[in-house]
Amino acid sequence: MTTSNRFDAAVKKLYAAFHNNTLNPEDCNQCAVGNILDNKDSWRHMTDIHGSTRLNYIGLVHQNLGRRFSDYSPQELLEIEDSFLKGCGYHLGKHFCHKPENYKDSVILFNGLCEVISKLCQLDNMDDIMDCSKLFDFDGAHSEVLTNSF
């Protein structure tokens, strides 16, 4: 499978952050996007609410000017962070963000990273490498419930 340079770079940074215990959804420098952007938090000024996918004025200006950050647009960065937070079990609303109790648990962070990888694949119009249905030659649309009749 051919991947883009931005995908490869993002995955390498996220891999390193996960294994170096420097991944933290509550720190704009160490969240998924913070790590992709080399531990910088300037991206957080592109939205008004943590976890929102809605660009604010500053974000819209950067988006409309075609600016890229580690080759991602401001809108893509917000979508990446949204997928990370949701994968970590955050519940996001228009005016609130409810976080899980143990948001730094490695299982929670791993689940968040799985969602991010899926989102990165979607942004690059690639097959989702986290989807194992092809590995098992499974199509859920045609599945049937099997019952044992003993």
Protein backbone atom coordinates (compact mmCIF):
# COMPACT_ATOMS: atom_id res chain seq x y z
CA MET A 1 0.00 0.00 0.00
CA THR A 2 1.33 3.40 -0.95
CA THR A 3 1.08 6.08 1.71
CA SER A 4 1.73 9.81 1.64
CA ASN A 5 4.70 11.52 3.24
CA ARG A 6 2.41 13.36 5.65
CA PHE A 7 0.76 10.09 6.71
CA ASP A 8 4.13 8.41 7.30
CA ALA A 9 5.47 11.39 9.27
CA ALA A 10 2.33 11.62 11.41
CA VAL A 11 2.32 7.90 12.23
CA LYS A 12 6.02 7.96 13.18
CA LYS A 13 5.46 10.89 15.54
CA LEU A 14 2.39 9.31 17.11
CA TYR A 15 4.19 5.98 17.50
CA ALA A 16 7.09 7.70 19.27
CA ALA A 17 4.76 9.69 21.52
CA PHE A 18 2.81 6.59 22.53
CA HIS A 19 5.93 4.56 23.35
CA ASN A 20 7.70 7.47 25.08
CA ASN A 21 4.63 8.15 27.26
CA THR A 22 4.36 11.67 25.88
CA LEU A 23 0.82 11.37 24.57
CA ASN A 24 -1.72 13.33 26.60
CA PRO A 25 -5.19 14.33 25.34
CA GLU A 26 -5.36 17.14 27.92
CA ASP A 27 -2.19 18.91 26.74
CA CYS A 28 -2.30 20.76 23.40
CA ASN A 29 1.43 20.11 22.97
CA GLN A 30 1.15 16.36 23.60
CA CYS A 31 -2.21 15.39 22.11
CA ALA A 32 -2.46 13.75 18.69
CA VAL A 33 -2.26 17.02 16.76
CA GLY A 34 0.30 18.50 19.15
CA ASN A 35 2.61 15.57 18.45
CA ILE A 36 2.00 15.73 14.70
CA LEU A 37 2.98 19.42 14.86
CA ASP A 38 6.23 18.72 16.75
CA ASN A 39 4.79 19.49 20.20
CA LYS A 40 3.55 22.96 19.30
CA ASP A 41 0.16 24.20 20.50
CA SER A 42 -0.48 27.04 18.07
CA TRP A 43 -3.18 24.92 16.41
CA ARG A 44 -5.44 25.31 19.47
CA HIS A 45 -6.11 28.93 18.50
CA MET A 46 -7.98 27.75 15.40
CA THR A 47 -11.08 26.74 17.38
CA ASP A 48 -12.87 28.06 20.44
CA ILE A 49 -13.71 24.73 22.08
CA HIS A 50 -11.41 21.80 22.82
CA GLY A 51 -12.43 18.97 20.53
CA SER A 52 -14.55 21.05 18.18
CA THR A 53 -14.30 20.60 14.43
CA ARG A 54 -15.54 24.14 13.86
CA LEU A 55 -12.89 26.64 12.86
CA ASN A 56 -13.03 30.05 14.51
CA TYR A 57 -12.04 33.29 12.75
CA ILE A 58 -8.30 32.61 13.04
CA GLY A 59 -8.75 29.05 11.80
CA LEU A 60 -10.88 30.23 8.88
CA VAL A 61 -8.26 32.78 7.86
CA HIS A 62 -5.55 30.09 7.80
CA GLN A 63 -7.89 27.67 5.99
CA ASN A 64 -8.91 30.23 3.36
CA LEU A 65 -5.30 31.25 2.77
CA GLY A 66 -4.49 27.60 2.10
CA ARG A 67 -2.04 27.32 4.98
CA ARG A 68 -0.80 23.86 5.90
CA PHE A 69 0.75 22.65 9.12
CA SER A 70 2.84 19.47 8.75
CA ASP A 71 0.99 19.29 5.42
CA TYR A 72 -2.48 19.28 7.07
CA SER A 73 -5.06 22.03 6.69
CA PRO A 74 -6.55 23.64 9.81
CA GLN A 75 -9.83 21.78 9.22
CA GLU A 76 -8.01 18.46 8.89
CA LEU A 77 -6.14 19.11 12.14
CA LEU A 78 -9.40 19.68 14.02
CA GLU A 79 -10.86 16.49 12.55
CA ILE A 80 -7.77 14.53 13.60
CA GLU A 81 -8.01 15.82 17.15
CA ASP A 82 -11.76 15.14 17.24
CA SER A 83 -11.14 11.52 16.23
CA PHE A 84 -8.43 11.17 18.89
CA LEU A 85 -10.63 12.52 21.68
CA LYS A 86 -13.63 10.43 20.67
CA GLY A 87 -11.42 7.35 20.42
CA CYS A 88 -10.17 8.09 23.94
CA GLY A 89 -13.76 8.13 25.21
CA TYR A 90 -14.38 11.86 25.37
CA HIS A 91 -17.96 13.05 24.93
CA LEU A 92 -17.95 16.32 23.06
CA GLY A 93 -20.79 18.81 22.87
CA LYS A 94 -21.25 22.33 21.57
CA HIS A 95 -20.25 23.89 24.86
CA PHE A 96 -18.63 21.10 26.85
CA CYS A 97 -16.09 18.30 26.77
CA HIS A 98 -16.48 15.39 29.20
CA LYS A 99 -13.29 13.39 29.60
CA PRO A 100 -12.88 9.84 30.87
CA GLU A 101 -11.54 9.37 34.39
CA ASN A 102 -8.21 7.80 33.49
CA TYR A 103 -7.51 9.56 30.18
CA LYS A 104 -3.78 8.68 30.31
CA ASP A 105 -4.39 4.93 30.48
CA SER A 106 -2.46 3.18 27.71
CA VAL A 107 -5.53 1.27 26.49
CA ILE A 108 -7.52 4.50 26.22
CA LEU A 109 -4.66 6.22 24.38
CA PHE A 110 -4.24 3.23 22.06
CA ASN A 111 -7.95 3.33 21.19
CA GLY A 112 -7.59 7.04 20.44
CA LEU A 113 -4.61 6.38 18.19
CA CYS A 114 -6.54 3.70 16.28
CA GLU A 115 -9.21 6.29 15.50
CA VAL A 116 -6.56 8.80 14.44
CA ILE A 117 -4.95 6.31 12.06
CA SER A 118 -8.37 5.62 10.52
CA LYS A 119 -8.94 9.36 10.14
CA LEU A 120 -5.50 9.86 8.56
CA CYS A 121 -6.32 7.12 6.05
CA GLN A 122 -9.65 8.79 5.26
CA LEU A 123 -7.99 12.18 4.77
CA ASP A 124 -5.54 10.63 2.30
CA ASN A 125 -8.27 8.65 0.48
CA MET A 126 -6.62 5.37 1.45
CA ASP A 127 -8.13 2.12 2.59
CA ASP A 128 -8.41 2.10 6.37
CA ILE A 129 -5.41 0.07 7.54
CA MET A 130 -7.11 -0.36 10.92
CA ASP A 131 -10.04 -2.20 9.30
CA CYS A 132 -9.31 -5.92 9.56
CA SER A 133 -12.45 -7.00 7.65
CA LYS A 134 -10.38 -7.53 4.47
CA LEU A 135 -7.91 -9.66 6.38
CA PHE A 136 -10.75 -11.99 7.36
CA ASP A 137 -12.56 -11.60 4.03
CA PHE A 138 -15.63 -10.36 5.89
CA ASP A 139 -18.44 -8.20 4.55
CA GLY A 140 -20.73 -7.17 7.40
CA ALA A 141 -23.50 -6.23 4.98
CA HIS A 142 -24.05 -9.88 4.13
CA SER A 143 -23.53 -11.43 7.54
CA GLU A 144 -26.04 -13.78 9.08
CA VAL A 145 -26.49 -14.78 12.69
CA LEU A 146 -25.39 -18.34 13.20
CA THR A 147 -27.03 -20.44 15.85
CA ASN A 148 -26.00 -23.78 17.23
CA SER A 149 -28.70 -26.42 17.34
CA PHE A 150 -27.40 -29.00 19.72
